[in-house]
PDB file of N, CA and C in Angstrom:
ATOM      1  N   MET A   1      -2.382   1.769  11.027  1.00  0.00           N
ATOM      2  CA  MET A   1      -3.554   2.214  10.287  1.00  0.00           C
ATOM      3  C   MET A   1      -3.459   1.681   8.865  1.00  0.00           C
ATOM      4  N   PRO A   2      -4.594   1.501   8.205  1.00  0.00           N
ATOM      5  CA  PRO A   2      -4.557   1.019   6.822  1.00  0.00           C
ATOM      6  C   PRO A   2      -4.040   2.109   5.870  1.00  0.00           C
ATOM      7  N   LEU A   3      -3.423   1.679   4.802  1.00  0.00           N
ATOM      8  CA  LEU A   3      -2.861   2.597   3.812  1.00  0.00           C
ATOM      9  C   LEU A   3      -3.924   3.523   3.236  1.00  0.00           C
ATOM     10  N   SER A   4      -5.155   3.077   3.158  1.00  0.00           N
ATOM     11  CA  SER A   4      -6.230   3.889   2.575  1.00  0.00           C
ATOM     12  C   SER A   4      -6.501   5.162   3.388  1.00  0.00           C
ATOM     13  N   MET A   5      -6.064   5.215   4.644  1.00  0.00           N
ATOM     14  CA  MET A   5      -6.293   6.384   5.490  1.00  0.00           C
ATOM     15  C   MET A   5      -5.078   7.311   5.560  1.00  0.00           C
ATOM     16  N   ALA A   6      -4.008   6.988   4.866  1.00  0.00           N
ATOM     17  CA  ALA A   6      -2.765   7.754   4.935  1.00  0.00           C
ATOM     18  C   ALA A   6      -2.856   9.067   4.164  1.00  0.00           C
ATOM     19  N   ASP A   7      -1.971   9.991   4.512  1.00  0.00           N
ATOM     20  CA  ASP A   7      -1.901  11.293   3.854  1.00  0.00           C
ATOM     21  C   ASP A   7      -1.030  11.218   2.606  1.00  0.00           C
ATOM     22  N   ILE A   8      -1.378  12.017   1.619  1.00  0.00           N
ATOM     23  CA  ILE A   8      -0.604  12.085   0.382  1.00  0.00           C
ATOM     24  C   ILE A   8       0.741  12.748   0.667  1.00  0.00           C
ATOM     25  N   GLY A   9       1.813  12.166   0.125  1.00  0.00           N
ATOM     26  CA  GLY A   9       3.140  12.753   0.221  1.00  0.00           C
ATOM     27  C   GLY A   9       3.908  12.434   1.487  1.00  0.00           C
ATOM     28  N   THR A  10       3.308  11.722   2.426  1.00  0.00           N
ATOM     29  CA  THR A  10       3.990  11.372   3.669  1.00  0.00           C
ATOM     30  C   THR A  10       4.644  10.002   3.526  1.00  0.00           C
ATOM     31  N   ASP A  11       5.828   9.870   4.096  1.00  0.00           N
ATOM     32  CA  ASP A  11       6.593   8.629   4.036  1.00  0.00           C
ATOM     33  C   ASP A  11       6.125   7.685   5.146  1.00  0.00           C
ATOM     34  N   TYR A  12       5.745   6.457   4.789  1.00  0.00           N
ATOM     35  CA  TYR A  12       5.283   5.457   5.748  1.00  0.00           C
ATOM     36  C   TYR A  12       6.080   4.170   5.575  1.00  0.00           C
ATOM     37  N   THR A  13       5.958   3.282   6.552  1.00  0.00           N
ATOM     38  CA  THR A  13       6.574   1.958   6.493  1.00  0.00           C
ATOM     39  C   THR A  13       5.480   0.905   6.590  1.00  0.00           C
ATOM     40  N   ILE A  14       5.547  -0.102   5.727  1.00  0.00           N
ATOM     41  CA  ILE A  14       4.573  -1.190   5.760  1.00  0.00           C
ATOM     42  C   ILE A  14       4.882  -2.072   6.964  1.00  0.00           C
ATOM     43  N   MET A  15       3.878  -2.263   7.817  1.00  0.00           N
ATOM     44  CA  MET A  15       4.049  -3.063   9.022  1.00  0.00           C
ATOM     45  C   MET A  15       3.510  -4.486   8.854  1.00  0.00           C
ATOM     46  N   LYS A  16       2.384  -4.628   8.118  1.00  0.00           N
ATOM     47  CA  LYS A  16       1.760  -5.939   7.998  1.00  0.00           C
ATOM     48  C   LYS A  16       0.825  -5.968   6.805  1.00  0.00           C
ATOM     49  N   LEU A  17       0.709  -7.132   6.183  1.00  0.00           N
ATOM     50  CA  LEU A  17      -0.262  -7.364   5.114  1.00  0.00           C
ATOM     51  C   LEU A  17      -1.328  -8.296   5.666  1.00  0.00           C
ATOM     52  N   THR A  18      -2.595  -7.966   5.420  1.00  0.00           N
ATOM     53  CA  THR A  18      -3.692  -8.799   5.904  1.00  0.00           C
ATOM     54  C   THR A  18      -4.419  -9.413   4.717  1.00  0.00           C
ATOM     55  N   GLY A  19      -5.316 -10.333   5.008  1.00  0.00           N
ATOM     56  CA  GLY A  19      -6.085 -11.000   3.959  1.00  0.00           C
ATOM     57  C   GLY A  19      -5.652 -12.443   3.829  1.00  0.00           C
ATOM     58  N   ASN A  20      -6.255 -13.136   2.873  1.00  0.00           N
ATOM     59  CA  ASN A  20      -5.903 -14.548   2.691  1.00  0.00           C
ATOM     60  C   ASN A  20      -4.545 -14.676   1.993  1.00  0.00           C
ATOM     61  N   ASP A  21      -4.079 -15.904   1.861  1.00  0.00           N
ATOM     62  CA  ASP A  21      -2.745 -16.143   1.290  1.00  0.00           C
ATOM     63  C   ASP A  21      -2.610 -15.594  -0.124  1.00  0.00           C
ATOM     64  N   ASN A  22      -3.667 -15.716  -0.941  1.00  0.00           N
ATOM     65  CA  ASN A  22      -3.599 -15.228  -2.320  1.00  0.00           C
ATOM     66  C   ASN A  22      -3.421 -13.717  -2.368  1.00  0.00           C
ATOM     67  N   ILE A  23      -4.144 -12.996  -1.520  1.00  0.00           N
ATOM     68  CA  ILE A  23      -4.042 -11.532  -1.502  1.00  0.00           C
ATOM     69  C   ILE A  23      -2.665 -11.109  -1.023  1.00  0.00           C
ATOM     70  N   ARG A  24      -2.179 -11.705   0.060  1.00  0.00           N
ATOM     71  CA  ARG A  24      -0.858 -11.352   0.576  1.00  0.00           C
ATOM     72  C   ARG A  24       0.232 -11.653  -0.448  1.00  0.00           C
ATOM     73  N   HIS A  25       0.121 -12.802  -1.114  1.00  0.00           N
ATOM     74  CA  HIS A  25       1.117 -13.160  -2.125  1.00  0.00           C
ATOM     75  C   HIS A  25       1.092 -12.174  -3.296  1.00  0.00           C
ATOM     76  N   HIS A  26      -0.099 -11.782  -3.726  1.00  0.00           N
ATOM     77  CA  HIS A  26      -0.225 -10.820  -4.824  1.00  0.00           C
ATOM     78  C   HIS A  26       0.421  -9.482  -4.441  1.00  0.00           C
ATOM     79  N   LEU A  27       0.134  -8.995  -3.239  1.00  0.00           N
ATOM     80  CA  LEU A  27       0.725  -7.732  -2.795  1.00  0.00           C
ATOM     81  C   LEU A  27       2.246  -7.841  -2.694  1.00  0.00           C
ATOM     82  N   GLN A  28       2.730  -8.955  -2.184  1.00  0.00           N
ATOM     83  CA  GLN A  28       4.177  -9.145  -2.078  1.00  0.00           C
ATOM     84  C   GLN A  28       4.830  -9.187  -3.454  1.00  0.00           C
ATOM     85  N   SER A  29       4.168  -9.783  -4.434  1.00  0.00           N
ATOM     86  CA  SER A  29       4.734  -9.845  -5.782  1.00  0.00           C
ATOM     87  C   SER A  29       4.799  -8.459  -6.429  1.00  0.00           C
ATOM     88  N   LEU A  30       3.956  -7.535  -5.960  1.00  0.00           N
ATOM     89  CA  LEU A  30       3.998  -6.159  -6.452  1.00  0.00           C
ATOM     90  C   LEU A  30       5.040  -5.311  -5.728  1.00  0.00           C
ATOM     91  N   GLY A  31       5.648  -5.858  -4.661  1.00  0.00           N
ATOM     92  CA  GLY A  31       6.676  -5.138  -3.927  1.00  0.00           C
ATOM     93  C   GLY A  31       6.244  -4.648  -2.563  1.00  0.00           C
ATOM     94  N   PHE A  32       5.008  -4.931  -2.170  1.00  0.00           N
ATOM     95  CA  PHE A  32       4.503  -4.515  -0.861  1.00  0.00           C
ATOM     96  C   PHE A  32       4.911  -5.566   0.174  1.00  0.00           C
ATOM     97  N   THR A  33       6.051  -5.375   0.811  1.00  0.00           N
ATOM     98  CA  THR A  33       6.526  -6.296   1.833  1.00  0.00           C
ATOM     99  C   THR A  33       6.752  -5.544   3.133  1.00  0.00           C
ATOM    100  N   GLU A  34       6.710  -6.270   4.230  1.00  0.00           N
ATOM    101  CA  GLU A  34       6.891  -5.655   5.548  1.00  0.00           C
ATOM    102  C   GLU A  34       8.247  -4.972   5.623  1.00  0.00           C
ATOM    103  N   GLY A  35       8.247  -3.765   6.183  1.00  0.00           N
ATOM    104  CA  GLY A  35       9.466  -2.996   6.328  1.00  0.00           C
ATOM    105  C   GLY A  35       9.778  -2.083   5.154  1.00  0.00           C
ATOM    106  N   THR A  36       9.024  -2.200   4.071  1.00  0.00           N
ATOM    107  CA  THR A  36       9.242  -1.378   2.881  1.00  0.00           C
ATOM    108  C   THR A  36       8.644   0.007   3.087  1.00  0.00           C
ATOM    109  N   ARG A  37       9.347   1.024   2.606  1.00  0.00           N
ATOM    110  CA  ARG A  37       8.860   2.396   2.703  1.00  0.00           C
ATOM    111  C   ARG A  37       7.912   2.664   1.529  1.00  0.00           C
ATOM    112  N   ILE A  38       6.866   3.457   1.802  1.00  0.00           N
ATOM    113  CA  ILE A  38       5.818   3.693   0.808  1.00  0.00           C
ATOM    114  C   ILE A  38       5.316   5.125   0.927  1.00  0.00           C
ATOM    115  N   ILE A  39       4.996   5.734  -0.205  1.00  0.00           N
ATOM    116  CA  ILE A  39       4.466   7.103  -0.247  1.00  0.00           C
ATOM    117  C   ILE A  39       3.249   7.111  -1.166  1.00  0.00           C
ATOM    118  N   ILE A  40       2.168   7.741  -0.724  1.00  0.00           N
ATOM    119  CA  ILE A  40       0.998   7.911  -1.588  1.00  0.00           C
ATOM    120  C   ILE A  40       1.250   9.110  -2.493  1.00  0.00           C
ATOM    121  N   VAL A  41       1.158   8.880  -3.802  1.00  0.00           N
ATOM    122  CA  VAL A  41       1.382   9.939  -4.781  1.00  0.00           C
ATOM    123  C   VAL A  41       0.090  10.692  -5.048  1.00  0.00           C
ATOM    124  N   SER A  42      -1.021   9.962  -5.219  1.00  0.00           N
ATOM    125  CA  SER A  42      -2.310  10.609  -5.438  1.00  0.00           C
ATOM    126  C   SER A  42      -3.443   9.663  -5.068  1.00  0.00           C
ATOM    127  N   ARG A  43      -4.626  10.265  -4.933  1.00  0.00           N
ATOM    128  CA  ARG A  43      -5.830   9.522  -4.572  1.00  0.00           C
ATOM    129  C   ARG A  43      -6.927   9.941  -5.545  1.00  0.00           C
ATOM    130  N   ILE A  44      -7.525   8.965  -6.226  1.00  0.00           N
ATOM    131  CA  ILE A  44      -8.581   9.236  -7.196  1.00  0.00           C
ATOM    132  C   ILE A  44      -9.770   8.342  -6.864  1.00  0.00           C
ATOM    133  N   ASN A  45     -10.867   8.951  -6.418  1.00  0.00           N
ATOM    134  CA  ASN A  45     -12.077   8.207  -6.046  1.00  0.00           C
ATOM    135  C   ASN A  45     -11.795   7.084  -5.052  1.00  0.00           C
ATOM    136  N   GLY A  46     -10.881   7.305  -4.131  1.00  0.00           N
ATOM    137  CA  GLY A  46     -10.552   6.312  -3.117  1.00  0.00           C
ATOM    138  C   GLY A  46      -9.452   5.353  -3.524  1.00  0.00           C
ATOM    139  N   ASN A  47      -9.203   5.221  -4.816  1.00  0.00           N
ATOM    140  CA  ASN A  47      -8.107   4.383  -5.290  1.00  0.00           C
ATOM    141  C   ASN A  47      -6.808   5.170  -5.174  1.00  0.00           C
ATOM    142  N   LEU A  48      -5.693   4.460  -5.038  1.00  0.00           N
ATOM    143  CA  LEU A  48      -4.425   5.124  -4.757  1.00  0.00           C
ATOM    144  C   LEU A  48      -3.377   4.843  -5.824  1.00  0.00           C
ATOM    145  N   ILE A  49      -2.524   5.824  -6.037  1.00  0.00           N
ATOM    146  CA  ILE A  49      -1.284   5.614  -6.763  1.00  0.00           C
ATOM    147  C   ILE A  49      -0.191   5.790  -5.731  1.00  0.00           C
ATOM    148  N   VAL A  50       0.617   4.745  -5.558  1.00  0.00           N
ATOM    149  CA  VAL A  50       1.639   4.758  -4.515  1.00  0.00           C
ATOM    150  C   VAL A  50       3.016   4.545  -5.130  1.00  0.00           C
ATOM    151  N   ASN A  51       4.012   5.053  -4.437  1.00  0.00           N
ATOM    152  CA  ASN A  51       5.396   4.839  -4.827  1.00  0.00           C
ATOM    153  C   ASN A  51       5.983   3.834  -3.850  1.00  0.00           C
ATOM    154  N   VAL A  52       6.294   2.656  -4.350  1.00  0.00           N
ATOM    155  CA  VAL A  52       6.881   1.598  -3.529  1.00  0.00           C
ATOM    156  C   VAL A  52       8.068   1.013  -4.286  1.00  0.00           C
ATOM    157  N   ARG A  53       9.213   0.943  -3.639  1.00  0.00           N
ATOM    158  CA  ARG A  53      10.444   0.438  -4.258  1.00  0.00           C
ATOM    159  C   ARG A  53      10.753   1.167  -5.569  1.00  0.00           C
ATOM    160  N   GLU A  54      10.606   2.484  -5.553  1.00  0.00           N
ATOM    161  CA  GLU A  54      10.894   3.354  -6.690  1.00  0.00           C
ATOM    162  C   GLU A  54      10.033   3.045  -7.917  1.00  0.00           C
ATOM    163  N   THR A  55       8.850   2.478  -7.693  1.00  0.00           N
ATOM    164  CA  THR A  55       7.905   2.182  -8.769  1.00  0.00           C
ATOM    165  C   THR A  55       6.536   2.712  -8.375  1.00  0.00           C
ATOM    166  N   ARG A  56       5.828   3.310  -9.316  1.00  0.00           N
ATOM    167  CA  ARG A  56       4.466   3.774  -9.056  1.00  0.00           C
ATOM    168  C   ARG A  56       3.485   2.676  -9.420  1.00  0.00           C
ATOM    169  N   ILE A  57       2.596   2.385  -8.475  1.00  0.00           N
ATOM    170  CA  ILE A  57       1.617   1.318  -8.656  1.00  0.00           C
ATOM    171  C   ILE A  57       0.244   1.845  -8.267  1.00  0.00           C
ATOM    172  N   ALA A  58      -0.766   1.542  -9.068  1.00  0.00           N
ATOM    173  CA  ALA A  58      -2.148   1.903  -8.747  1.00  0.00           C
ATOM    174  C   ALA A  58      -2.806   0.714  -8.063  1.00  0.00           C
ATOM    175  N   ILE A  59      -3.456   0.980  -6.918  1.00  0.00           N
ATOM    176  CA  ILE A  59      -4.171  -0.080  -6.211  1.00  0.00           C
ATOM    177  C   ILE A  59      -5.545   0.425  -5.795  1.00  0.00           C
ATOM    178  N   SER A  60      -6.456  -0.496  -5.649  1.00  0.00           N
ATOM    179  CA  SER A  60      -7.820  -0.152  -5.257  1.00  0.00           C
ATOM    180  C   SER A  60      -7.880   0.152  -3.759  1.00  0.00           C
ATOM    181  N   ARG A  61      -8.963   0.768  -3.345  1.00  0.00           N
ATOM    182  CA  ARG A  61      -9.174   1.063  -1.921  1.00  0.00           C
ATOM    183  C   ARG A  61      -9.221  -0.247  -1.127  1.00  0.00           C
ATOM    184  N   GLN A  62      -9.834  -1.287  -1.688  1.00  0.00           N
ATOM    185  CA  GLN A  62      -9.935  -2.562  -0.989  1.00  0.00           C
ATOM    186  C   GLN A  62      -8.553  -3.157  -0.730  1.00  0.00           C
ATOM    187  N   MET A  63      -7.653  -3.089  -1.709  1.00  0.00           N
ATOM    188  CA  MET A  63      -6.290  -3.582  -1.521  1.00  0.00           C
ATOM    189  C   MET A  63      -5.529  -2.706  -0.533  1.00  0.00           C
ATOM    190  N   ALA A  64      -5.742  -1.404  -0.611  1.00  0.00           N
ATOM    191  CA  ALA A  64      -5.063  -0.487   0.306  1.00  0.00           C
ATOM    192  C   ALA A  64      -5.484  -0.751   1.756  1.00  0.00           C
ATOM    193  N   ASN A  65      -6.709  -1.206   1.959  1.00  0.00           N
ATOM    194  CA  ASN A  65      -7.156  -1.556   3.308  1.00  0.00           C
ATOM    195  C   ASN A  65      -6.434  -2.772   3.863  1.00  0.00           C
ATOM    196  N   ARG A  66      -5.846  -3.583   3.000  1.00  0.00           N
ATOM    197  CA  ARG A  66      -5.116  -4.796   3.416  1.00  0.00           C
ATOM    198  C   ARG A  66      -3.681  -4.494   3.820  1.00  0.00           C
ATOM    199  N   ILE A  67      -3.199  -3.278   3.569  1.00  0.00           N
ATOM    200  CA  ILE A  67      -1.818  -2.911   3.883  1.00  0.00           C
ATOM    201  C   ILE A  67      -1.816  -2.022   5.114  1.00  0.00           C
ATOM    202  N   LEU A  68      -1.236  -2.503   6.196  1.00  0.00           N
ATOM    203  CA  LEU A  68      -1.167  -1.736   7.431  1.00  0.00           C
ATOM    204  C   LEU A  68       0.186  -1.027   7.506  1.00  0.00           C
ATOM    205  N   ILE A  69       0.139   0.262   7.832  1.00  0.00           N
ATOM    206  CA  ILE A  69       1.342   1.088   7.827  1.00  0.00           C
ATOM    207  C   ILE A  69       1.567   1.755   9.170  1.00  0.00           C
ATOM    208  N   GLU A  70       2.740   2.312   9.312  1.00  0.00           N
ATOM    209  CA  GLU A  70       3.078   3.096  10.496  1.00  0.00           C
ATOM    210  C   GLU A  70       3.844   4.317  10.079  1.00  0.00           C
TER     211      GLU A  70
END
């Protein structure tokens, strides 16, 4: 399921990044790589603040839709 549909405070694992090469590269440079554990800290108007690799990052709903989790 896409990260945008995940529950706040639940631990997930990134399974796949979708989108074109530029989007995938941008997400990877922020630390969103396959196999990485991720937790949603909060949701504001559909945008997310997530904890990935012990860092909090804010991402848009559109970017969160590109991250598939399990």
